[in-house]
Amino acid sequence: MLCVTLEMIERWVAESTVPGAAAAAIGPDGIRDSRYAGVARPDSLFALASLTKPLLAAACMVAAEEGAIDLDAPVADHLAPYRRPGRAVITARHLLSHASGLPESAPPDTDSLDVEPVAPPARRRIYSNEGYAVLGELLTTATGIPYGRYVQESVFEPLGMDAHLGLPESEYGRALEVREPGLSRPGVALFNSRQWRRRGTAAGGAFATLEAYARFATMLVRRGPPLLAPETFEEMAAVQFPGIPGGIESFQTWDVADWSLGCDVRDHKQPHWTGSRTSPSTLSHFGASGTVFMSDYEAGVGLVALANRGTYSGWPMRSGHWQDLCDSLYERDSVSPQANL
């Protein structure tokens, strides 16, 4: 059911929409077709931005399997700043599914552990970078391992991913600069600055090659193996706190904003970055650096499309970009497997 339409990304470069792009169509057997355009090469490291969040979520699920984290226990069991009214009942499940009530972002230089909720838990879906920063602190405290290293050891290494959460300077030569990156604070560019790259934020600081993120997306198409037990995947993929409204406040909200533990759940949202043909259970995420992935595990297909231009102009949602690329996967017969992952 996959098709060879990834040449669409070549038009993105030819029309000067992005400097570089890479895309992979995925089946349960791994990458079935891939393409690189512009400055992108097979060894290029893309700033993943919020595609980091599903990686952190998977690490949290591994920690839950190991018994280091109880998804339904108060975060306050591990983080003292959460032992205060209004935050004491917040759990990892709330944070992972953007149902904690924490805001999307806070002023620069604000410690995420000091950010106050703007809504009670499980009442509204508020996509929250701050919530994932708190998850990073939780993972570090609960496991005794810095979250960047824990993600490396629990997700990147088992899947054989060429990826980093906190980019070593030795890898800067492979990392693509992001056009129109935006600023994390005055004078500090998102994704491109040394300060950003070193920090490796839990909400958006990872870098990976196309092939590396395709390994992660394939794991989700396969419903967990080889990283997660099937029952762990089912819990991760299930809608959490179903039926609540909200979404990404700075981008799009819906009357029903279903989310899993780490990924958006397609359900019947319109408009949506995965187009109109994906199954309601499809897991996906996008990042402000120009990155997107989806895993339609019911249909057995997935897509990773990585580019290096900030999304703030709205280019990914225009005709011929993310939605059309996702829809194209369902238009023709499948291609032969290119590689097993």
Protein backbone atom coordinates (compact mmCIF):
# COMPACT_ATOMS: atom_id res chain seq x y z
CA MET A 1 0.00 0.00 0.00
CA LEU A 2 3.04 2.29 -0.10
CA CYS A 3 4.06 4.20 -3.18
CA VAL A 4 7.07 5.99 -4.56
CA THR A 5 6.02 9.65 -4.32
CA LEU A 6 8.84 10.91 -2.15
CA GLU A 7 10.15 12.96 -5.07
CA MET A 8 7.70 15.57 -3.76
CA ILE A 9 10.47 16.75 -1.43
CA GLU A 10 12.65 17.58 -4.43
CA ARG A 11 10.07 20.21 -5.38
CA TRP A 12 10.34 21.70 -1.89
CA VAL A 13 14.03 22.33 -2.57
CA ALA A 14 13.60 23.35 -6.22
CA GLU A 15 11.03 25.97 -5.20
CA SER A 16 13.36 27.22 -2.43
CA THR A 17 10.86 26.28 0.26
CA VAL A 18 13.54 24.41 2.23
CA PRO A 19 17.34 24.12 1.90
CA GLY A 20 17.25 20.36 2.34
CA ALA A 21 14.84 17.52 2.99
CA ALA A 22 14.84 13.77 3.46
CA ALA A 23 11.89 11.40 3.54
CA ALA A 24 11.31 7.70 4.10
CA ALA A 25 8.25 5.56 3.49
CA ILE A 26 8.03 2.75 6.04
CA GLY A 27 6.38 -0.63 6.40
CA PRO A 28 6.62 -3.25 9.17
CA ASP A 29 9.83 -4.47 7.53
CA GLY A 30 11.48 -1.04 7.75
CA ILE A 31 12.31 1.55 5.10
CA ARG A 32 10.70 0.78 1.75
CA ASP A 33 11.76 3.91 -0.07
CA SER A 34 13.84 6.95 0.84
CA ARG A 35 14.93 10.14 -0.83
CA TYR A 36 17.26 13.06 -0.11
CA ALA A 37 17.14 16.53 -1.65
CA GLY A 38 19.16 19.74 -1.48
CA VAL A 39 21.78 19.84 1.27
CA ALA A 40 20.46 16.66 2.92
CA ARG A 41 22.60 13.52 2.83
CA PRO A 42 22.19 10.06 4.40
CA ASP A 43 24.53 11.02 7.25
CA SER A 44 22.95 14.46 7.84
CA LEU A 45 21.76 15.11 11.38
CA PHE A 46 18.46 17.01 11.46
CA ALA A 47 17.33 19.08 14.40
CA LEU A 48 14.23 17.12 15.41
CA ALA A 49 12.62 19.84 17.54
CA SER A 50 9.44 18.34 19.04
CA LEU A 51 9.99 14.99 17.35
CA THR A 52 12.13 14.62 20.46
CA LYS A 53 8.99 14.22 22.59
CA PRO A 54 7.98 10.76 21.30
CA LEU A 55 11.55 9.59 21.94
CA LEU A 56 11.41 10.83 25.53
CA ALA A 57 7.98 9.26 25.93
CA ALA A 58 9.33 5.89 24.77
CA ALA A 59 12.13 6.20 27.32
CA CYS A 60 9.52 6.86 30.00
CA MET A 61 7.66 3.71 28.92
CA VAL A 62 10.89 1.72 29.25
CA ALA A 63 11.36 3.23 32.73
CA ALA A 64 7.80 2.21 33.57
CA GLU A 65 8.52 -1.35 32.40
CA GLU A 66 11.58 -1.35 34.64
CA GLY A 67 9.56 -0.09 37.61
CA ALA A 68 11.49 3.19 37.95
CA ILE A 69 8.42 5.30 37.10
CA ASP A 70 4.78 4.74 38.03
CA LEU A 71 2.80 6.58 35.36
CA ASP A 72 -0.09 7.19 37.75
CA ALA A 73 1.88 8.23 40.82
CA PRO A 74 2.23 11.93 41.63
CA VAL A 75 5.29 13.53 40.10
CA ALA A 76 5.76 14.99 43.57
CA ASP A 77 6.96 11.57 44.75
CA HIS A 78 10.23 12.38 42.96
CA LEU A 79 10.24 16.17 42.48
CA ALA A 80 9.95 18.31 45.60
CA PRO A 81 8.78 21.49 43.78
CA TYR A 82 5.61 19.59 42.84
CA ARG A 83 4.61 19.13 46.47
CA ARG A 84 2.51 22.27 46.31
CA PRO A 85 -1.22 22.90 45.85
CA GLY A 86 -2.27 22.86 42.21
CA ARG A 87 0.56 20.53 41.18
CA ALA A 88 0.59 17.75 43.77
CA VAL A 89 -1.87 15.58 41.80
CA ILE A 90 -0.06 15.84 38.45
CA THR A 91 1.25 12.48 37.21
CA ALA A 92 3.59 11.33 34.47
CA ARG A 93 0.52 10.20 32.53
CA HIS A 94 -0.81 13.77 32.60
CA LEU A 95 2.54 15.14 31.42
CA LEU A 96 3.05 12.59 28.66
CA SER A 97 -0.41 13.24 27.19
CA HIS A 98 -0.38 17.04 27.55
CA ALA A 99 -3.21 16.87 30.10
CA SER A 100 -1.30 18.34 33.06
CA GLY A 101 -2.67 21.85 32.68
CA LEU A 102 0.82 23.32 32.26
CA PRO A 103 1.12 26.02 29.57
CA GLU A 104 2.69 25.52 26.16
CA SER A 105 5.71 27.61 27.13
CA ALA A 106 6.99 29.94 29.82
CA PRO A 107 9.11 33.11 29.70
CA PRO A 108 12.81 32.55 28.89
CA ASP A 109 15.05 31.58 31.81
CA THR A 110 12.06 30.32 33.83
CA ASP A 111 12.81 27.02 35.55
CA SER A 112 10.25 24.52 34.28
CA LEU A 113 9.79 23.16 37.78
CA ASP A 114 8.52 26.59 38.83
CA VAL A 115 5.91 26.94 36.06
CA GLU A 116 2.36 26.94 37.41
CA PRO A 117 -0.54 25.14 35.70
CA VAL A 118 -3.10 27.24 33.88
CA ALA A 119 -5.83 24.58 34.10
CA PRO A 120 -6.62 21.58 36.34
CA PRO A 121 -5.28 18.19 35.17
CA ALA A 122 -7.30 16.22 32.61
CA ARG A 123 -9.67 19.11 31.80
CA ARG A 124 -8.03 20.49 28.65
CA ARG A 125 -5.35 19.26 26.25
CA ILE A 126 -2.68 21.96 26.38
CA TYR A 127 0.36 20.93 24.37
CA SER A 128 3.19 21.78 26.75
CA ASN A 129 6.92 22.07 26.21
CA GLU A 130 7.14 22.81 29.92
CA GLY A 131 5.49 19.50 30.74
CA TYR A 132 8.12 17.57 28.81
CA ALA A 133 10.89 19.53 30.52
CA VAL A 134 9.38 18.34 33.82
CA LEU A 135 9.33 14.78 32.45
CA GLY A 136 13.05 15.07 31.76
CA GLU A 137 13.64 16.04 35.38
CA LEU A 138 11.39 13.21 36.54
CA LEU A 139 13.25 10.66 34.43
CA THR A 140 16.59 11.88 35.75
CA THR A 141 15.52 11.77 39.39
CA ALA A 142 13.59 8.50 39.21
CA THR A 143 16.31 6.55 37.39
CA GLY A 144 19.39 8.29 38.79
CA ILE A 145 20.61 8.74 35.20
CA PRO A 146 20.59 12.08 33.32
CA TYR A 147 17.65 11.97 30.93
CA GLY A 148 19.81 12.48 27.83
CA ARG A 149 21.91 9.44 28.70
CA TYR A 150 18.84 7.43 29.68
CA VAL A 151 17.22 8.11 26.29
CA GLN A 152 20.50 7.14 24.62
CA GLU A 153 20.72 3.86 26.51
CA SER A 154 17.03 2.91 26.54
CA VAL A 155 15.95 4.00 23.04
CA PHE A 156 18.77 5.03 20.70
CA GLU A 157 21.12 2.14 21.40
CA PRO A 158 18.52 -0.68 21.38
CA LEU A 159 17.14 0.58 18.06
CA GLY A 160 20.59 1.25 16.57
CA MET A 161 19.79 4.94 16.02
CA ASP A 162 22.35 7.49 14.87
CA ALA A 163 20.86 10.11 17.17
CA HIS A 164 21.80 12.44 20.03
CA LEU A 165 19.94 14.26 22.78
CA GLY A 166 22.50 16.94 23.48
CA LEU A 167 24.67 17.24 20.37
CA PRO A 168 28.42 16.68 20.85
CA GLU A 169 30.59 19.32 19.16
CA SER A 170 32.27 16.52 17.22
CA GLU A 171 28.97 16.04 15.37
CA TYR A 172 28.33 19.69 14.48
CA GLY A 173 29.70 19.18 10.96
CA ARG A 174 26.87 16.75 10.15
CA ALA A 175 24.10 18.87 11.70
CA LEU A 176 22.13 20.91 9.17
CA GLU A 177 21.53 24.57 9.98
CA VAL A 178 17.84 25.41 10.23
CA ARG A 179 16.61 28.35 8.16
CA GLU A 180 14.30 30.71 10.10
CA PRO A 181 14.93 28.87 13.37
CA GLY A 182 13.35 31.31 15.79
CA LEU A 183 14.91 32.28 19.11
CA SER A 184 14.83 30.54 22.47
CA ARG A 185 15.80 33.86 24.04
CA PRO A 186 17.30 37.08 22.66
CA GLY A 187 20.45 36.24 20.72
CA VAL A 188 20.10 32.45 21.11
CA ALA A 189 18.85 30.70 17.97
CA LEU A 190 16.82 27.56 18.34
CA PHE A 191 18.44 24.46 16.85
CA ASN A 192 21.56 26.22 15.47
CA SER A 193 23.30 27.85 18.44
CA ARG A 194 25.93 26.01 20.45
CA GLN A 195 24.01 26.77 23.63
CA TRP A 196 20.88 25.10 22.28
CA ARG A 197 22.72 22.10 20.89
CA ARG A 198 24.64 21.47 24.10
CA ARG A 199 21.58 21.77 26.29
CA GLY A 200 19.64 18.92 24.69
CA THR A 201 16.22 19.94 25.98
CA ALA A 202 13.85 17.12 26.84
CA ALA A 203 11.12 18.85 24.87
CA GLY A 204 13.00 19.40 21.62
CA GLY A 205 16.77 19.01 21.72
CA ALA A 206 17.43 15.78 19.79
CA PHE A 207 19.21 15.35 16.45
CA ALA A 208 18.99 12.29 14.19
CA THR A 209 19.49 11.04 10.66
CA LEU A 210 16.51 10.08 8.54
CA GLU A 211 17.38 6.40 8.80
CA ALA A 212 17.62 6.69 12.59
CA TYR A 213 14.20 8.21 13.08
CA ALA A 214 12.78 5.71 10.60
CA ARG A 215 13.89 2.97 12.99
CA PHE A 216 11.82 4.57 15.73
CA ALA A 217 8.78 5.04 13.47
CA THR A 218 9.07 1.43 12.32
CA MET A 219 8.99 0.26 15.93
CA LEU A 220 5.63 1.99 16.29
CA VAL A 221 4.32 0.47 13.02
CA ARG A 222 5.36 -2.92 14.46
CA ARG A 223 3.44 -2.14 17.68
CA GLY A 224 6.46 -2.14 19.95
CA PRO A 225 9.12 -4.70 19.00
CA PRO A 226 12.01 -4.70 19.43
CA LEU A 227 11.87 -1.90 22.01
CA LEU A 228 8.59 -2.24 23.90
CA ALA A 229 6.49 -5.19 24.98
CA PRO A 230 3.19 -5.35 23.06
CA GLU A 231 1.17 -4.48 26.14
CA THR A 232 3.42 -1.47 26.80
CA PHE A 233 2.92 -0.29 23.24
CA GLU A 234 -0.85 -0.66 23.56
CA GLU A 235 -0.81 1.53 26.65
CA MET A 236 1.47 4.07 24.98
CA ALA A 237 -0.73 4.23 21.85
CA ALA A 238 -4.09 4.45 23.64
CA VAL A 239 -5.97 7.74 23.89
CA GLN A 240 -5.42 9.27 27.32
CA PHE A 241 -8.23 11.22 29.00
CA PRO A 242 -10.43 10.86 25.91
CA GLY A 243 -12.81 13.53 24.73
CA ILE A 244 -11.18 16.61 26.23
CA PRO A 245 -10.80 19.72 24.02
CA GLY A 246 -7.63 21.63 23.23
CA GLY A 247 -4.51 20.97 21.19
CA ILE A 248 -1.51 23.06 20.25
CA GLU A 249 -2.59 26.50 21.41
CA SER A 250 -0.13 28.34 19.13
CA PHE A 251 -1.13 26.28 16.07
CA GLN A 252 -4.47 24.46 16.10
CA THR A 253 -7.09 23.39 18.64
CA TRP A 254 -10.04 21.02 18.33
CA ASP A 255 -13.24 20.24 20.21
CA VAL A 256 -11.79 16.77 20.82
CA ALA A 257 -8.00 16.68 20.98
CA ASP A 258 -7.01 13.04 21.46
CA TRP A 259 -3.43 12.30 22.45
CA SER A 260 -1.53 9.20 23.50
CA LEU A 261 1.48 8.89 25.77
CA GLY A 262 3.84 10.88 23.56
CA CYS A 263 2.08 11.27 20.22
CA ASP A 264 -0.95 12.88 18.70
CA VAL A 265 -3.71 10.39 17.88
CA ARG A 266 -5.25 11.24 14.49
CA ASP A 267 -8.84 10.36 15.39
CA HIS A 268 -11.06 12.67 13.28
CA LYS A 269 -9.19 15.97 13.63
CA GLN A 270 -9.49 18.41 10.75
CA PRO A 271 -7.31 19.95 9.48
CA HIS A 272 -4.40 17.68 10.31
CA TRP A 273 -0.76 17.50 9.26
CA THR A 274 -1.10 13.79 8.32
CA GLY A 275 -3.65 14.56 5.64
CA SER A 276 -7.03 12.86 5.26
CA ARG A 277 -6.31 9.16 4.62
CA THR A 278 -4.58 7.97 7.77
CA SER A 279 -6.37 5.65 10.18
CA PRO A 280 -7.98 7.23 13.26
CA SER A 281 -5.43 5.47 15.50
CA THR A 282 -2.41 6.89 13.62
CA LEU A 283 0.36 8.18 15.88
CA SER A 284 2.23 11.27 14.73
CA HIS A 285 4.14 14.38 15.72
CA PHE A 286 5.71 17.39 14.06
CA GLY A 287 8.54 19.70 15.03
CA ALA A 288 9.09 23.43 14.60
CA SER A 289 12.35 22.82 12.72
CA GLY A 290 10.40 21.39 9.75
CA THR A 291 10.11 17.75 10.80
CA VAL A 292 7.17 15.33 10.84
CA PHE A 293 6.51 11.63 11.24
CA MET A 294 3.50 9.36 11.34
CA SER A 295 2.99 5.66 12.06
CA ASP A 296 -0.32 4.21 10.89
CA TYR A 297 0.07 0.85 12.59
CA GLU A 298 -3.43 -0.30 11.57
CA ALA A 299 -2.56 0.08 7.88
CA GLY A 300 1.08 -0.98 8.39
CA VAL A 301 2.57 2.20 6.90
CA GLY A 302 4.59 5.13 8.15
CA LEU A 303 6.41 8.22 7.01
CA VAL A 304 9.30 10.33 8.24
CA ALA A 305 9.94 13.66 6.51
CA LEU A 306 12.76 15.84 7.85
CA ALA A 307 13.60 19.32 6.57
CA ASN A 308 15.60 22.26 7.88
CA ARG A 309 13.35 25.28 7.83
CA GLY A 310 11.32 26.58 10.76
CA THR A 311 7.57 26.05 10.46
CA TYR A 312 6.58 29.54 11.60
CA SER A 313 5.67 30.75 8.09
CA GLY A 314 3.19 27.88 7.76
CA TRP A 315 4.90 26.26 4.76
CA PRO A 316 4.34 22.61 5.86
CA MET A 317 0.54 22.91 5.78
CA ARG A 318 0.39 24.40 2.29
CA SER A 319 -0.57 22.35 -0.74
CA GLY A 320 2.13 19.92 -1.85
CA HIS A 321 3.74 19.49 1.55
CA TRP A 322 3.06 17.37 4.65
CA GLN A 323 -0.60 16.55 4.07
CA ASP A 324 -0.18 15.62 0.42
CA LEU A 325 2.97 13.63 1.14
CA CYS A 326 1.15 11.58 3.79
CA ASP A 327 -1.91 11.07 1.56
CA SER A 328 0.32 9.88 -1.29
CA LEU A 329 1.34 6.80 0.71
CA TYR A 330 -2.13 5.33 0.20
CA GLU A 331 -2.46 5.85 -3.55
CA ARG A 332 -0.58 2.98 -5.19
CA ASP A 333 0.75 -0.49 -4.58
CA SER A 334 3.57 -1.03 -2.15
CA VAL A 335 7.18 -0.77 -3.22
CA SER A 336 9.72 -3.48 -2.58
CA PRO A 337 11.51 -3.33 0.76
CA GLN A 338 14.72 -1.32 0.60
CA ALA A 339 16.13 -2.29 3.97
CA ASN A 340 15.19 -4.25 7.03
CA LEU A 341 15.42 -2.36 10.32
